[in-house]
Amino acid sequence: MLQRIKALLNYKRYQLFSRPYELNIVGLRNRSIHPNRFDDELHVFYATKPLHWEYHVFRITTDPGTFWLMNPMQPQGTAILAEGQYKNAYAIGLHRGEYNALVQVKPVNIVRDYDRNAMLDFYNGKKVKGYFGINVHRANKTGKTIHVDKNSAGCQVFENASDFQRFMQLCETHRSLYGNQFTYTLIDFRSWRRQTLRRMAYTFGFFTLCGIGAHFYFQEEN
């Protein structure tokens, strides 16, 4: 799977970090539009020496929970982080003044889900860039959290508190070597699927037109 993630980063021309213990933090948003589940993944990997990589996968949500979809903090709707690579957009800091997490320190892109129902809407909202407090943090203080609920209003949230603790240990090592700057990359498989279908449609249309053109050409020749 690590090779596939690297290939995705390369395909999208996103930066891959290869210095020892420099973190690559990649969220993978799955194809489901049903909220309130920790059904996405955070892939964290780093080189320890040339050609040797350490690799971790954690269950997270990259989407807001049902509560905030139906009760948005802003009249324009609840924030959903858009796909992209956000270079040096995160730093270790206090989430809501309570505990260390990765907090947003540079602008990111979001789409606002404004229809106030319990389904995620990625198609109708307007993309906006700015500071929205889209942090990377945990849900409950201990153990595993079953439902997202109020734990995410657009943040990237860990299902398991122990996983989050391990993640923050990796972040502390990164900070001690390279400073308090972290890049977060989000790959959205819904967007990926739409792009693939679009390319397939273009390719089909191209060859269909070529076929029609060839048909009329040979008819005229005969």
N, C-alpha and C. Protein backbone atom coordinates (compact mmCIF):
# COMPACT_ATOMS: atom_id res chain seq x y z
N MET A 1 0.82 -1.21 0.00
CA MET A 1 0.00 0.00 0.00
C MET A 1 0.86 1.27 0.00
N LEU A 2 1.99 1.22 0.67
CA LEU A 2 2.86 2.39 0.71
C LEU A 2 3.26 2.83 -0.69
N GLN A 3 3.58 1.87 -1.55
CA GLN A 3 3.98 2.20 -2.91
C GLN A 3 2.83 2.86 -3.68
N ARG A 4 1.60 2.42 -3.40
CA ARG A 4 0.45 3.03 -4.05
C ARG A 4 0.26 4.48 -3.60
N ILE A 5 0.47 4.71 -2.30
CA ILE A 5 0.35 6.08 -1.78
C ILE A 5 1.42 6.97 -2.41
N LYS A 6 2.64 6.47 -2.49
CA LYS A 6 3.71 7.24 -3.13
C LYS A 6 3.37 7.53 -4.58
N ALA A 7 2.81 6.54 -5.26
CA ALA A 7 2.44 6.73 -6.67
C ALA A 7 1.35 7.79 -6.80
N LEU A 8 0.39 7.80 -5.87
CA LEU A 8 -0.65 8.82 -5.89
C LEU A 8 -0.07 10.21 -5.69
N LEU A 9 0.86 10.34 -4.75
CA LEU A 9 1.50 11.63 -4.52
C LEU A 9 2.24 12.08 -5.77
N ASN A 10 2.95 11.17 -6.39
CA ASN A 10 3.69 11.49 -7.61
C ASN A 10 2.75 11.89 -8.74
N TYR A 11 1.65 11.14 -8.89
CA TYR A 11 0.69 11.42 -9.96
C TYR A 11 0.10 12.82 -9.81
N LYS A 12 -0.20 13.19 -8.58
CA LYS A 12 -0.79 14.50 -8.32
C LYS A 12 0.25 15.60 -8.15
N ARG A 13 1.52 15.24 -8.30
CA ARG A 13 2.63 16.18 -8.19
C ARG A 13 2.71 16.81 -6.80
N TYR A 14 2.39 16.02 -5.80
CA TYR A 14 2.54 16.45 -4.43
C TYR A 14 3.94 16.10 -3.95
N GLN A 15 4.43 16.86 -3.01
CA GLN A 15 5.79 16.65 -2.50
C GLN A 15 5.85 15.42 -1.59
N LEU A 16 6.92 14.64 -1.76
CA LEU A 16 7.21 13.51 -0.90
C LEU A 16 8.45 13.86 -0.08
N PHE A 17 8.36 13.73 1.23
CA PHE A 17 9.46 14.10 2.12
C PHE A 17 10.28 12.85 2.44
N SER A 18 11.59 12.97 2.29
CA SER A 18 12.44 11.78 2.40
C SER A 18 13.60 11.92 3.38
N ARG A 19 13.69 13.05 4.08
CA ARG A 19 14.73 13.16 5.10
C ARG A 19 14.37 12.25 6.29
N PRO A 20 15.37 11.77 7.02
CA PRO A 20 15.07 10.84 8.13
C PRO A 20 14.07 11.41 9.13
N TYR A 21 13.01 10.68 9.37
CA TYR A 21 11.98 11.00 10.35
C TYR A 21 11.16 12.25 10.02
N GLU A 22 11.25 12.69 8.77
CA GLU A 22 10.40 13.79 8.31
C GLU A 22 9.08 13.19 7.85
N LEU A 23 7.99 13.61 8.45
CA LEU A 23 6.71 12.93 8.25
C LEU A 23 6.02 13.30 6.95
N ASN A 24 5.51 12.26 6.30
CA ASN A 24 4.50 12.40 5.26
C ASN A 24 3.17 12.03 5.91
N ILE A 25 2.24 12.97 5.95
CA ILE A 25 0.95 12.77 6.61
C ILE A 25 -0.12 12.88 5.53
N VAL A 26 -0.75 11.75 5.21
CA VAL A 26 -1.66 11.67 4.07
C VAL A 26 -3.00 11.11 4.52
N GLY A 27 -4.04 11.92 4.40
CA GLY A 27 -5.40 11.44 4.67
C GLY A 27 -6.02 10.87 3.41
N LEU A 28 -6.68 9.72 3.54
CA LEU A 28 -7.41 9.12 2.43
C LEU A 28 -8.89 9.11 2.76
N ARG A 29 -9.65 9.91 2.05
CA ARG A 29 -11.11 9.98 2.24
C ARG A 29 -11.76 8.92 1.36
N ASN A 30 -12.56 8.06 1.97
CA ASN A 30 -13.14 6.97 1.18
C ASN A 30 -14.32 7.44 0.35
N ARG A 31 -14.96 6.53 -0.35
CA ARG A 31 -15.99 6.88 -1.32
C ARG A 31 -17.36 7.13 -0.70
N SER A 32 -17.55 6.79 0.58
CA SER A 32 -18.85 6.89 1.22
C SER A 32 -19.27 8.34 1.43
N ILE A 33 -20.57 8.62 1.26
CA ILE A 33 -21.10 9.95 1.56
C ILE A 33 -21.89 9.91 2.86
N HIS A 34 -21.83 8.80 3.59
CA HIS A 34 -22.54 8.68 4.86
C HIS A 34 -21.64 9.18 5.99
N PRO A 35 -22.10 10.18 6.74
CA PRO A 35 -21.27 10.77 7.79
C PRO A 35 -21.32 9.96 9.08
N ASN A 36 -20.65 10.49 10.08
CA ASN A 36 -20.68 9.99 11.45
C ASN A 36 -19.92 8.69 11.64
N ARG A 37 -19.07 8.33 10.68
CA ARG A 37 -18.29 7.12 10.78
C ARG A 37 -16.80 7.45 10.69
N PHE A 38 -16.01 6.70 11.43
CA PHE A 38 -14.55 6.80 11.29
C PHE A 38 -14.13 5.82 10.19
N ASP A 39 -14.44 6.18 8.95
CA ASP A 39 -14.22 5.25 7.84
C ASP A 39 -13.17 5.74 6.85
N ASP A 40 -12.36 6.72 7.28
CA ASP A 40 -11.24 7.18 6.46
C ASP A 40 -9.94 6.73 7.11
N GLU A 41 -8.82 7.05 6.47
CA GLU A 41 -7.51 6.59 6.98
C GLU A 41 -6.50 7.72 6.96
N LEU A 42 -5.61 7.68 7.94
CA LEU A 42 -4.46 8.57 7.94
C LEU A 42 -3.21 7.71 7.77
N HIS A 43 -2.49 7.94 6.70
CA HIS A 43 -1.27 7.20 6.40
C HIS A 43 -0.08 8.09 6.76
N VAL A 44 0.76 7.61 7.64
CA VAL A 44 1.93 8.37 8.11
C VAL A 44 3.17 7.53 7.84
N PHE A 45 4.10 8.09 7.08
CA PHE A 45 5.30 7.32 6.76
C PHE A 45 6.50 8.25 6.66
N TYR A 46 7.66 7.66 6.89
CA TYR A 46 8.90 8.45 6.94
C TYR A 46 10.08 7.52 6.73
N ALA A 47 11.15 8.08 6.18
CA ALA A 47 12.38 7.32 5.98
C ALA A 47 13.18 7.30 7.28
N THR A 48 13.77 6.15 7.59
CA THR A 48 14.69 6.07 8.73
C THR A 48 16.13 6.00 8.25
N LYS A 49 16.31 5.52 7.04
CA LYS A 49 17.60 5.51 6.36
C LYS A 49 17.31 5.31 4.87
N PRO A 50 18.27 5.51 4.00
CA PRO A 50 17.99 5.38 2.57
C PRO A 50 17.33 4.05 2.22
N LEU A 51 16.22 4.14 1.49
CA LEU A 51 15.46 2.99 0.98
C LEU A 51 14.73 2.20 2.07
N HIS A 52 14.70 2.73 3.29
CA HIS A 52 13.94 2.05 4.34
C HIS A 52 12.92 3.02 4.92
N TRP A 53 11.64 2.60 4.91
CA TRP A 53 10.56 3.45 5.35
C TRP A 53 9.77 2.80 6.47
N GLU A 54 9.34 3.61 7.44
CA GLU A 54 8.40 3.18 8.46
C GLU A 54 7.01 3.69 8.05
N TYR A 55 5.99 2.87 8.32
CA TYR A 55 4.67 3.14 7.76
C TYR A 55 3.59 2.82 8.79
N HIS A 56 2.67 3.77 9.01
CA HIS A 56 1.58 3.58 9.97
C HIS A 56 0.26 3.97 9.31
N VAL A 57 -0.80 3.26 9.64
CA VAL A 57 -2.13 3.59 9.16
C VAL A 57 -3.07 3.69 10.35
N PHE A 58 -3.80 4.81 10.44
CA PHE A 58 -4.72 5.05 11.56
C PHE A 58 -6.12 5.33 11.02
N ARG A 59 -7.13 4.86 11.74
CA ARG A 59 -8.52 5.14 11.35
C ARG A 59 -8.91 6.53 11.84
N ILE A 60 -9.46 7.32 10.94
CA ILE A 60 -9.88 8.68 11.26
C ILE A 60 -11.18 9.00 10.52
N THR A 61 -11.69 10.19 10.72
CA THR A 61 -12.68 10.76 9.83
C THR A 61 -12.11 12.04 9.24
N THR A 62 -12.33 12.26 7.96
CA THR A 62 -11.96 13.52 7.32
C THR A 62 -13.19 14.39 7.11
N ASP A 63 -14.34 13.93 7.61
CA ASP A 63 -15.62 14.60 7.39
C ASP A 63 -16.24 15.04 8.71
N PRO A 64 -17.07 16.06 8.69
CA PRO A 64 -17.77 16.47 9.91
C PRO A 64 -18.82 15.44 10.32
N GLY A 65 -19.13 15.43 11.62
CA GLY A 65 -20.15 14.54 12.13
C GLY A 65 -21.55 15.04 11.82
N THR A 66 -22.54 14.16 12.02
CA THR A 66 -23.93 14.49 11.71
C THR A 66 -24.43 15.71 12.47
N PHE A 67 -24.03 15.84 13.73
CA PHE A 67 -24.52 16.96 14.54
C PHE A 67 -24.21 18.29 13.87
N TRP A 68 -22.96 18.46 13.41
CA TRP A 68 -22.57 19.75 12.84
C TRP A 68 -23.08 19.91 11.42
N LEU A 69 -23.35 18.81 10.71
CA LEU A 69 -23.98 18.94 9.39
C LEU A 69 -25.39 19.52 9.53
N MET A 70 -26.09 19.11 10.59
CA MET A 70 -27.46 19.55 10.79
C MET A 70 -27.55 20.84 11.60
N ASN A 71 -26.45 21.16 12.31
CA ASN A 71 -26.42 22.38 13.14
C ASN A 71 -25.11 23.12 12.89
N PRO A 72 -24.92 23.66 11.68
CA PRO A 72 -23.63 24.29 11.35
C PRO A 72 -23.35 25.52 12.20
N MET A 73 -22.05 25.73 12.45
CA MET A 73 -21.63 26.92 13.21
C MET A 73 -21.79 28.20 12.38
N GLN A 74 -21.70 28.06 11.06
CA GLN A 74 -21.80 29.21 10.17
C GLN A 74 -23.05 29.08 9.30
N PRO A 75 -23.71 30.17 8.97
CA PRO A 75 -24.92 30.09 8.15
C PRO A 75 -24.67 29.53 6.75
N GLN A 76 -23.41 29.63 6.28
CA GLN A 76 -23.09 29.10 4.95
C GLN A 76 -22.97 27.58 4.94
N GLY A 77 -22.93 26.98 6.12
CA GLY A 77 -22.85 25.52 6.19
C GLY A 77 -21.57 25.05 6.86
N THR A 78 -21.50 23.74 7.08
CA THR A 78 -20.37 23.13 7.77
C THR A 78 -19.20 22.92 6.83
N ALA A 79 -17.99 23.13 7.35
CA ALA A 79 -16.78 23.04 6.54
C ALA A 79 -16.38 21.58 6.29
N ILE A 80 -16.00 21.29 5.05
CA ILE A 80 -15.41 20.00 4.67
C ILE A 80 -14.09 20.31 3.99
N LEU A 81 -13.00 19.79 4.52
CA LEU A 81 -11.69 20.07 3.93
C LEU A 81 -11.63 19.53 2.52
N ALA A 82 -11.16 20.35 1.58
CA ALA A 82 -11.04 19.95 0.19
C ALA A 82 -9.74 19.20 -0.05
N GLU A 83 -9.74 18.36 -1.06
CA GLU A 83 -8.53 17.63 -1.43
C GLU A 83 -7.40 18.60 -1.76
N GLY A 84 -6.19 18.23 -1.37
CA GLY A 84 -5.04 19.06 -1.70
C GLY A 84 -3.87 18.78 -0.78
N GLN A 85 -2.73 19.36 -1.11
CA GLN A 85 -1.57 19.29 -0.23
C GLN A 85 -1.36 20.66 0.38
N TYR A 86 -1.38 20.70 1.71
CA TYR A 86 -1.29 21.96 2.44
C TYR A 86 0.08 22.04 3.11
N LYS A 87 1.01 22.67 2.39
CA LYS A 87 2.41 22.68 2.82
C LYS A 87 2.62 23.60 4.02
N ASN A 88 3.23 23.04 5.05
CA ASN A 88 3.55 23.78 6.28
C ASN A 88 2.34 24.49 6.86
N ALA A 89 1.17 23.92 6.66
CA ALA A 89 -0.07 24.55 7.12
C ALA A 89 -0.43 24.15 8.54
N TYR A 90 0.37 23.26 9.13
CA TYR A 90 0.04 22.75 10.47
C TYR A 90 1.24 22.83 11.40
N ALA A 91 0.95 22.96 12.69
CA ALA A 91 1.99 23.00 13.72
C ALA A 91 1.41 22.36 14.98
N ILE A 92 2.30 21.90 15.83
CA ILE A 92 1.86 21.38 17.13
C ILE A 92 1.41 22.57 17.98
N GLY A 93 0.20 22.48 18.48
CA GLY A 93 -0.36 23.53 19.31
C GLY A 93 -1.55 22.99 20.08
N LEU A 94 -2.20 23.83 20.83
CA LEU A 94 -3.32 23.40 21.67
C LEU A 94 -4.62 23.38 20.88
N HIS A 95 -5.28 22.23 20.88
CA HIS A 95 -6.62 22.13 20.29
C HIS A 95 -7.63 22.59 21.34
N ARG A 96 -8.32 23.68 21.01
CA ARG A 96 -9.30 24.29 21.93
C ARG A 96 -8.69 24.60 23.29
N GLY A 97 -7.38 24.82 23.32
CA GLY A 97 -6.71 25.16 24.56
C GLY A 97 -6.61 24.02 25.55
N GLU A 98 -6.83 22.78 25.09
CA GLU A 98 -6.93 21.64 26.00
C GLU A 98 -5.75 20.68 25.93
N TYR A 99 -5.31 20.30 24.74
CA TYR A 99 -4.24 19.31 24.60
C TYR A 99 -3.53 19.52 23.26
N ASN A 100 -2.30 19.00 23.18
CA ASN A 100 -1.52 19.16 21.95
C ASN A 100 -2.11 18.34 20.80
N ALA A 101 -2.18 18.98 19.66
CA ALA A 101 -2.64 18.35 18.42
C ALA A 101 -1.95 19.10 17.28
N LEU A 102 -2.25 18.74 16.05
CA LEU A 102 -1.80 19.55 14.91
C LEU A 102 -2.88 20.58 14.62
N VAL A 103 -2.51 21.85 14.69
CA VAL A 103 -3.49 22.91 14.50
C VAL A 103 -3.16 23.68 13.22
N GLN A 104 -4.19 24.18 12.58
CA GLN A 104 -4.03 24.92 11.34
C GLN A 104 -3.36 26.26 11.58
N VAL A 105 -2.29 26.55 10.82
CA VAL A 105 -1.58 27.83 10.96
C VAL A 105 -1.46 28.58 9.63
N LYS A 106 -1.90 27.96 8.53
CA LYS A 106 -1.93 28.62 7.23
C LYS A 106 -3.26 28.31 6.55
N PRO A 107 -3.63 29.09 5.53
CA PRO A 107 -4.93 28.88 4.90
C PRO A 107 -5.05 27.50 4.25
N VAL A 108 -6.27 26.96 4.30
CA VAL A 108 -6.60 25.70 3.60
C VAL A 108 -7.89 25.94 2.82
N ASN A 109 -8.22 25.01 1.94
CA ASN A 109 -9.44 25.10 1.14
C ASN A 109 -10.54 24.22 1.74
N ILE A 110 -11.73 24.77 1.82
CA ILE A 110 -12.87 23.98 2.29
C ILE A 110 -14.03 24.11 1.31
N VAL A 111 -14.96 23.17 1.40
CA VAL A 111 -16.26 23.27 0.75
C VAL A 111 -17.29 23.28 1.87
N ARG A 112 -18.27 24.16 1.79
CA ARG A 112 -19.29 24.21 2.85
C ARG A 112 -20.53 23.41 2.44
N ASP A 113 -20.93 22.49 3.31
CA ASP A 113 -22.15 21.72 3.12
C ASP A 113 -23.29 22.52 3.75
N TYR A 114 -24.15 23.10 2.91
CA TYR A 114 -25.12 24.06 3.43
C TYR A 114 -26.56 23.57 3.43
N ASP A 115 -26.82 22.30 3.04
CA ASP A 115 -28.22 21.88 2.95
C ASP A 115 -28.78 21.32 4.26
N ARG A 116 -27.92 21.24 5.31
CA ARG A 116 -28.38 20.92 6.66
C ARG A 116 -29.13 19.60 6.75
N ASN A 117 -28.65 18.59 6.06
CA ASN A 117 -29.20 17.26 6.26
C ASN A 117 -28.07 16.34 6.74
N ALA A 118 -28.38 15.08 6.91
CA ALA A 118 -27.42 14.15 7.49
C ALA A 118 -26.58 13.44 6.45
N MET A 119 -26.52 13.99 5.23
CA MET A 119 -25.70 13.41 4.17
C MET A 119 -24.63 14.42 3.76
N LEU A 120 -23.45 13.92 3.47
CA LEU A 120 -22.36 14.79 3.05
C LEU A 120 -22.58 15.27 1.62
N ASP A 121 -22.41 16.55 1.40
CA ASP A 121 -22.61 17.15 0.08
C ASP A 121 -21.30 17.78 -0.37
N PHE A 122 -20.67 17.19 -1.41
CA PHE A 122 -19.37 17.65 -1.89
C PHE A 122 -19.49 18.38 -3.24
N TYR A 123 -20.69 18.50 -3.77
CA TYR A 123 -20.83 18.95 -5.15
C TYR A 123 -21.41 20.36 -5.29
N ASN A 124 -22.21 20.80 -4.33
CA ASN A 124 -22.93 22.06 -4.50
C ASN A 124 -22.32 23.23 -3.76
N GLY A 125 -21.49 22.95 -2.78
CA GLY A 125 -20.91 24.03 -1.99
C GLY A 125 -19.83 24.79 -2.74
N LYS A 126 -19.60 26.01 -2.30
CA LYS A 126 -18.56 26.85 -2.91
C LYS A 126 -17.24 26.64 -2.17
N LYS A 127 -16.15 26.48 -2.91
CA LYS A 127 -14.83 26.31 -2.29
C LYS A 127 -14.33 27.66 -1.79
N VAL A 128 -13.86 27.65 -0.54
CA VAL A 128 -13.38 28.87 0.11
C VAL A 128 -12.01 28.59 0.71
N LYS A 129 -11.11 29.58 0.68
CA LYS A 129 -9.79 29.44 1.26
C LYS A 129 -9.66 30.37 2.46
N GLY A 130 -9.07 29.83 3.55
CA GLY A 130 -8.88 30.69 4.72
C GLY A 130 -8.53 29.90 5.96
N TYR A 131 -8.71 30.54 7.10
CA TYR A 131 -8.43 29.95 8.41
C TYR A 131 -9.76 29.51 9.03
N PHE A 132 -9.89 28.22 9.28
CA PHE A 132 -11.15 27.68 9.78
C PHE A 132 -10.98 26.79 11.01
N GLY A 133 -9.76 26.70 11.52
CA GLY A 133 -9.54 25.81 12.65
C GLY A 133 -9.70 24.34 12.29
N ILE A 134 -9.28 23.98 11.08
CA ILE A 134 -9.34 22.58 10.64
C ILE A 134 -8.12 21.87 11.22
N ASN A 135 -8.26 21.30 12.40
CA ASN A 135 -7.15 20.69 13.12
C ASN A 135 -7.12 19.17 12.92
N VAL A 136 -6.01 18.57 13.34
CA VAL A 136 -5.87 17.11 13.37
C VAL A 136 -5.80 16.72 14.84
N HIS A 137 -6.86 16.08 15.34
CA HIS A 137 -6.94 15.81 16.78
C HIS A 137 -7.65 14.48 17.03
N ARG A 138 -7.85 14.13 18.28
CA ARG A 138 -8.54 12.89 18.66
C ARG A 138 -10.00 13.17 18.97
N ALA A 139 -10.76 12.08 19.11
CA ALA A 139 -12.14 12.19 19.58
C ALA A 139 -12.12 12.12 21.11
N ASN A 140 -12.52 11.01 21.69
CA ASN A 140 -12.55 10.90 23.15
C ASN A 140 -11.15 10.83 23.74
N LYS A 141 -11.05 11.20 25.01
CA LYS A 141 -9.77 11.25 25.70
C LYS A 141 -9.12 9.87 25.82
N THR A 142 -9.92 8.84 25.98
CA THR A 142 -9.40 7.47 26.10
C THR A 142 -10.22 6.53 25.23
N GLY A 143 -9.61 5.41 24.86
CA GLY A 143 -10.32 4.36 24.15
C GLY A 143 -10.72 4.71 22.74
N LYS A 144 -11.65 3.94 22.22
CA LYS A 144 -12.13 4.04 20.84
C LYS A 144 -13.50 4.70 20.80
N THR A 145 -13.68 5.64 19.92
CA THR A 145 -14.95 6.34 19.77
C THR A 145 -15.75 5.70 18.64
N ILE A 146 -17.01 5.43 18.89
CA ILE A 146 -17.83 4.71 17.89
C ILE A 146 -18.37 5.65 16.82
N HIS A 147 -18.95 6.78 17.24
CA HIS A 147 -19.57 7.71 16.29
C HIS A 147 -18.88 9.06 16.35
N VAL A 148 -18.83 9.74 15.22
CA VAL A 148 -18.16 11.04 15.16
C VAL A 148 -18.92 12.08 15.97
N ASP A 149 -20.23 12.19 15.73
CA ASP A 149 -21.10 13.12 16.45
C ASP A 149 -20.51 14.53 16.49
N LYS A 150 -20.28 15.07 17.71
CA LYS A 150 -19.80 16.45 17.84
C LYS A 150 -18.28 16.56 17.77
N ASN A 151 -17.59 15.44 17.57
CA ASN A 151 -16.12 15.45 17.63
C ASN A 151 -15.47 16.10 16.41
N SER A 152 -16.22 16.30 15.34
CA SER A 152 -15.64 16.95 14.16
C SER A 152 -16.64 17.90 13.52
N ALA A 153 -16.22 19.15 13.39
CA ALA A 153 -16.97 20.14 12.61
C ALA A 153 -16.19 20.47 11.35
N GLY A 154 -15.40 19.49 10.88
CA GLY A 154 -14.57 19.68 9.68
C GLY A 154 -13.14 19.27 9.90
N CYS A 155 -12.77 18.95 11.16
CA CYS A 155 -11.39 18.54 11.47
C CYS A 155 -11.12 17.12 10.98
N GLN A 156 -9.86 16.74 11.09
CA GLN A 156 -9.41 15.38 10.78
C GLN A 156 -9.22 14.71 12.14
N VAL A 157 -10.07 13.74 12.47
CA VAL A 157 -10.20 13.28 13.85
C VAL A 157 -9.93 11.79 13.99
N PHE A 158 -9.07 11.45 14.96
CA PHE A 158 -8.71 10.06 15.23
C PHE A 158 -9.84 9.35 15.97
N GLU A 159 -10.07 8.11 15.57
CA GLU A 159 -11.04 7.25 16.25
C GLU A 159 -10.52 6.77 17.61
N ASN A 160 -9.22 6.43 17.65
CA ASN A 160 -8.64 5.78 18.82
C ASN A 160 -7.64 6.71 19.51
N ALA A 161 -7.81 6.91 20.81
CA ALA A 161 -6.94 7.82 21.56
C ALA A 161 -5.50 7.33 21.59
N SER A 162 -5.28 6.03 21.66
CA SER A 162 -3.92 5.47 21.66
C SER A 162 -3.22 5.72 20.33
N ASP A 163 -3.96 5.59 19.23
CA ASP A 163 -3.39 5.90 17.92
C ASP A 163 -2.96 7.35 17.85
N PHE A 164 -3.80 8.22 18.37
CA PHE A 164 -3.47 9.65 18.35
C PHE A 164 -2.22 9.94 19.17
N GLN A 165 -2.11 9.28 20.32
CA GLN A 165 -0.93 9.47 21.15
C GLN A 165 0.34 9.05 20.41
N ARG A 166 0.26 7.93 19.71
CA ARG A 166 1.42 7.46 18.91
C ARG A 166 1.73 8.45 17.79
N PHE A 167 0.71 8.96 17.15
CA PHE A 167 0.89 9.93 16.09
C PHE A 167 1.60 11.18 16.61
N MET A 168 1.19 11.67 17.77
CA MET A 168 1.81 12.87 18.33
C MET A 168 3.26 12.62 18.73
N GLN A 169 3.59 11.41 19.14
CA GLN A 169 4.99 11.08 19.42
C GLN A 169 5.83 11.21 18.15
N LEU A 170 5.29 10.74 17.03
CA LEU A 170 5.99 10.88 15.75
C LEU A 170 6.14 12.36 15.39
N CYS A 171 5.11 13.13 15.65
CA CYS A 171 5.16 14.57 15.36
C CYS A 171 6.21 15.27 16.21
N GLU A 172 6.34 14.86 17.47
CA GLU A 172 7.35 15.46 18.34
C GLU A 172 8.76 15.18 17.83
N THR A 173 8.99 13.96 17.33
CA THR A 173 10.30 13.64 16.74
C THR A 173 10.57 14.51 15.53
N HIS A 174 9.56 14.64 14.66
CA HIS A 174 9.68 15.50 13.48
C HIS A 174 10.02 16.93 13.90
N ARG A 175 9.32 17.45 14.89
CA ARG A 175 9.54 18.84 15.34
C ARG A 175 10.95 19.03 15.88
N SER A 176 11.46 18.04 16.60
CA SER A 176 12.80 18.18 17.18
C SER A 176 13.88 18.25 16.11
N LEU A 177 13.59 17.71 14.92
CA LEU A 177 14.58 17.68 13.84
C LEU A 177 14.38 18.80 12.81
N TYR A 178 13.14 19.15 12.53
CA TYR A 178 12.86 20.03 11.40
C TYR A 178 12.01 21.25 11.75
N GLY A 179 11.72 21.42 13.02
CA GLY A 179 10.92 22.56 13.42
C GLY A 179 9.43 22.26 13.42
N ASN A 180 8.68 23.22 13.88
CA ASN A 180 7.24 23.02 14.09
C ASN A 180 6.44 23.37 12.84
N GLN A 181 6.70 22.65 11.78
CA GLN A 181 5.99 22.82 10.51
C GLN A 181 5.64 21.44 9.95
N PHE A 182 4.38 21.26 9.61
CA PHE A 182 3.92 19.97 9.11
C PHE A 182 3.04 20.18 7.88
N THR A 183 3.23 19.32 6.90
CA THR A 183 2.41 19.34 5.69
C THR A 183 1.37 18.24 5.77
N TYR A 184 0.12 18.59 5.49
CA TYR A 184 -0.95 17.60 5.46
C TYR A 184 -1.49 17.49 4.04
N THR A 185 -1.61 16.26 3.56
CA THR A 185 -2.12 16.00 2.22
C THR A 185 -3.40 15.19 2.32
N LEU A 186 -4.45 15.65 1.68
CA LEU A 186 -5.72 14.92 1.66
C LEU A 186 -6.02 14.46 0.24
N ILE A 187 -6.21 13.17 0.07
CA ILE A 187 -6.60 12.59 -1.21
C ILE A 187 -8.03 12.09 -1.07
N ASP A 188 -8.90 12.57 -1.93
CA ASP A 188 -10.33 12.25 -1.87
C ASP A 188 -10.65 11.26 -2.98
N PHE A 189 -11.00 10.02 -2.60
CA PHE A 189 -11.28 9.01 -3.60
C PHE A 189 -12.56 9.29 -4.37
N ARG A 190 -13.47 10.11 -3.82
CA ARG A 190 -14.64 10.51 -4.60
C ARG A 190 -14.19 11.39 -5.76
N SER A 191 -13.31 12.35 -5.45
CA SER A 191 -12.77 13.22 -6.49
C SER A 191 -11.96 12.41 -7.50
N TRP A 192 -11.17 11.48 -6.98
CA TRP A 192 -10.36 10.61 -7.84
C TRP A 192 -11.24 9.82 -8.81
N ARG A 193 -12.36 9.30 -8.30
CA ARG A 193 -13.28 8.52 -9.13
C ARG A 193 -13.91 9.41 -10.18
N ARG A 194 -14.34 10.63 -9.79
CA ARG A 194 -14.93 11.55 -10.76
C ARG A 194 -13.95 11.89 -11.86
N GLN A 195 -12.68 12.12 -11.50
CA GLN A 195 -11.67 12.43 -12.50
C GLN A 195 -11.45 11.26 -13.44
N THR A 196 -11.42 10.03 -12.88
CA THR A 196 -11.22 8.84 -13.70
C THR A 196 -12.37 8.65 -14.68
N LEU A 197 -13.62 8.83 -14.19
CA LEU A 197 -14.78 8.69 -15.06
C LEU A 197 -14.77 9.76 -16.15
N ARG A 198 -14.33 10.97 -15.78
CA ARG A 198 -14.27 12.06 -16.76
C ARG A 198 -13.25 11.73 -17.86
N ARG A 199 -12.07 11.21 -17.43
CA ARG A 199 -11.06 10.85 -18.42
C ARG A 199 -11.55 9.73 -19.33
N MET A 200 -12.26 8.76 -18.73
CA MET A 200 -12.80 7.65 -19.53
C MET A 200 -13.82 8.17 -20.54
N ALA A 201 -14.65 9.13 -20.12
CA ALA A 201 -15.65 9.70 -21.01
C ALA A 201 -14.99 10.45 -22.16
N TYR A 202 -13.95 11.23 -21.83
CA TYR A 202 -13.23 11.96 -22.89
C TYR A 202 -12.58 10.99 -23.88
N THR A 203 -11.96 9.94 -23.33
CA THR A 203 -11.29 8.96 -24.19
C THR A 203 -12.30 8.25 -25.08
N PHE A 204 -13.43 7.85 -24.48
CA PHE A 204 -14.47 7.18 -25.26
C PHE A 204 -15.00 8.09 -26.35
N GLY A 205 -15.24 9.37 -25.98
CA GLY A 205 -15.73 10.33 -26.95
C GLY A 205 -14.75 10.56 -28.09
N PHE A 206 -13.45 10.61 -27.75
CA PHE A 206 -12.43 10.83 -28.77
C PHE A 206 -12.41 9.69 -29.78
N PHE A 207 -12.39 8.46 -29.27
CA PHE A 207 -12.33 7.30 -30.17
C PHE A 207 -13.63 7.12 -30.94
N THR A 208 -14.76 7.51 -30.32
CA THR A 208 -16.03 7.44 -31.03
C THR A 208 -16.02 8.40 -32.21
N LEU A 209 -15.53 9.63 -31.98
CA LEU A 209 -15.45 10.61 -33.07
C LEU A 209 -14.50 10.14 -34.16
N CYS A 210 -13.38 9.54 -33.74
CA CYS A 210 -12.43 9.01 -34.72
C CYS A 210 -13.07 7.93 -35.56
N GLY A 211 -13.85 7.06 -34.90
CA GLY A 211 -14.52 5.97 -35.61
C GLY A 211 -15.54 6.49 -36.60
N ILE A 212 -16.31 7.51 -36.17
CA ILE A 212 -17.30 8.09 -37.07
C ILE A 212 -16.62 8.75 -38.26
N GLY A 213 -15.53 9.48 -37.96
CA GLY A 213 -14.80 10.14 -39.04
C GLY A 213 -14.24 9.14 -40.04
N ALA A 214 -13.68 8.04 -39.54
CA ALA A 214 -13.13 7.01 -40.42
C ALA A 214 -14.23 6.38 -41.26
N HIS A 215 -15.41 6.18 -40.65
CA HIS A 215 -16.53 5.57 -41.37
C HIS A 215 -16.92 6.42 -42.57
N PHE A 216 -17.11 7.74 -42.35
CA PHE A 216 -17.50 8.61 -43.46
C PHE A 216 -16.38 8.76 -44.48
N TYR A 217 -15.14 8.74 -44.03
CA TYR A 217 -14.00 8.85 -44.95
C TYR A 217 -14.00 7.67 -45.94
N PHE A 218 -14.14 6.46 -45.40
CA PHE A 218 -14.11 5.29 -46.27
C PHE A 218 -15.36 5.20 -47.13
N GLN A 219 -16.50 5.73 -46.65
CA GLN A 219 -17.69 5.77 -47.48
C GLN A 219 -17.47 6.66 -48.69
N GLU A 220 -16.85 7.82 -48.47
CA GLU A 220 -16.57 8.75 -49.56
C GLU A 220 -15.57 8.16 -50.54
N GLU A 221 -14.57 7.43 -49.99
CA GLU A 221 -13.58 6.83 -50.87
C GLU A 221 -14.18 5.76 -51.78
N ASN A 222 -15.23 5.09 -51.29
CA ASN A 222 -15.86 4.06 -52.08
C ASN A 222 -16.90 4.65 -53.02
